């Protein structure tokens, strides 16, 4: 058994091997994934993406005539 170690980004569920490991193409591999991102951060990201998906197609801010003025008013509420 050979062990390979490298860092990469998981994109659409796929992990690509760096070119120096091409000789292992089409071989069976046992994969262990060690993530640098804590699970709670991943769940927050998923929740945020879900919220964005729900908002998609809704004209939530179309009724705002003066976006800059609206933003100033919202910021004034924080103080």
Protein backbone atom coordinates (compact mmCIF):
# COMPACT_ATOMS: atom_id res chain seq x y z
CA UNK A 1 0.00 0.00 0.00
CA UNK A 2 1.24 3.49 -0.86
CA UNK A 3 0.29 6.66 1.00
CA UNK A 4 -0.09 9.98 -0.78
CA UNK A 5 -0.39 13.30 0.99
CA UNK A 6 -1.45 16.56 -0.64
CA UNK A 7 -3.87 19.43 -0.11
CA UNK A 8 -6.62 20.23 -2.58
CA UNK A 9 -10.06 21.77 -2.85
CA UNK A 10 -13.15 19.58 -3.04
CA UNK A 11 -15.16 20.84 -6.01
CA UNK A 12 -18.65 19.51 -6.68
CA UNK A 13 -17.81 16.37 -4.71
CA UNK A 14 -14.62 15.68 -6.66
CA UNK A 15 -10.99 15.54 -5.55
CA UNK A 16 -8.38 15.74 -8.27
CA UNK A 17 -4.98 14.16 -7.88
CA UNK A 18 -1.98 16.38 -8.60
CA UNK A 19 -0.15 15.56 -11.84
CA UNK A 20 2.78 13.91 -10.04
CA UNK A 21 0.38 11.09 -9.06
CA UNK A 22 -0.85 10.32 -12.59
CA UNK A 23 0.65 6.82 -12.38
CA UNK A 24 -2.13 5.94 -9.92
CA UNK A 25 -4.93 6.81 -12.33
CA UNK A 26 -7.69 4.16 -12.57
CA UNK A 27 -6.56 2.38 -9.40
CA UNK A 28 -8.65 1.69 -6.33
CA UNK A 29 -7.98 4.01 -3.38
CA UNK A 30 -9.12 4.21 0.21
CA UNK A 31 -9.72 7.88 1.02
CA UNK A 32 -9.53 9.59 4.39
CA UNK A 33 -10.46 13.29 4.29
CA UNK A 34 -9.06 15.59 6.97
CA UNK A 35 -10.81 18.96 6.84
CA UNK A 36 -9.20 22.22 7.96
CA UNK A 37 -12.67 23.79 8.31
CA UNK A 38 -14.61 23.17 11.54
CA UNK A 39 -18.00 21.45 11.13
CA UNK A 40 -19.90 24.38 12.66
CA UNK A 41 -18.51 26.69 9.97
CA UNK A 42 -19.64 24.26 7.26
CA UNK A 43 -23.17 24.14 8.74
CA UNK A 44 -23.30 27.96 8.89
CA UNK A 45 -22.22 28.14 5.26
CA UNK A 46 -24.90 25.63 4.30
CA UNK A 47 -27.57 27.61 6.19
CA UNK A 48 -26.50 30.83 4.47
CA UNK A 49 -26.56 29.21 1.03
CA UNK A 50 -30.04 27.81 1.77
CA UNK A 51 -31.26 31.29 2.73
CA UNK A 52 -29.82 32.75 -0.48
CA UNK A 53 -31.58 30.04 -2.51
CA UNK A 54 -34.91 30.90 -0.86
CA UNK A 55 -34.40 34.59 -1.71
CA UNK A 56 -33.58 33.83 -5.34
CA UNK A 57 -36.24 35.13 -7.69
CA UNK A 58 -37.83 37.43 -5.10
CA UNK A 59 -37.54 41.14 -5.73
CA UNK A 60 -36.95 41.92 -2.08
CA UNK A 61 -35.51 45.39 -2.56
CA UNK A 62 -37.32 46.52 -5.70
CA UNK A 63 -39.58 48.87 -3.71
CA UNK A 64 -36.62 50.94 -2.43
CA UNK A 65 -36.43 54.14 -4.47
CA UNK A 66 -33.25 55.50 -2.85
CA UNK A 67 -30.95 52.57 -1.92
CA UNK A 68 -28.24 54.85 -0.48
CA UNK A 69 -30.72 56.70 1.73
CA UNK A 70 -32.28 53.43 2.85
CA UNK A 71 -28.85 52.07 3.76
CA UNK A 72 -27.99 55.20 5.78
CA UNK A 73 -31.27 54.89 7.68
CA UNK A 74 -30.61 51.24 8.49
CA UNK A 75 -27.09 52.07 9.68
CA UNK A 76 -28.43 54.89 11.89
CA UNK A 77 -30.57 52.30 13.69
CA UNK A 78 -27.38 50.53 14.87
CA UNK A 79 -26.14 53.56 16.80
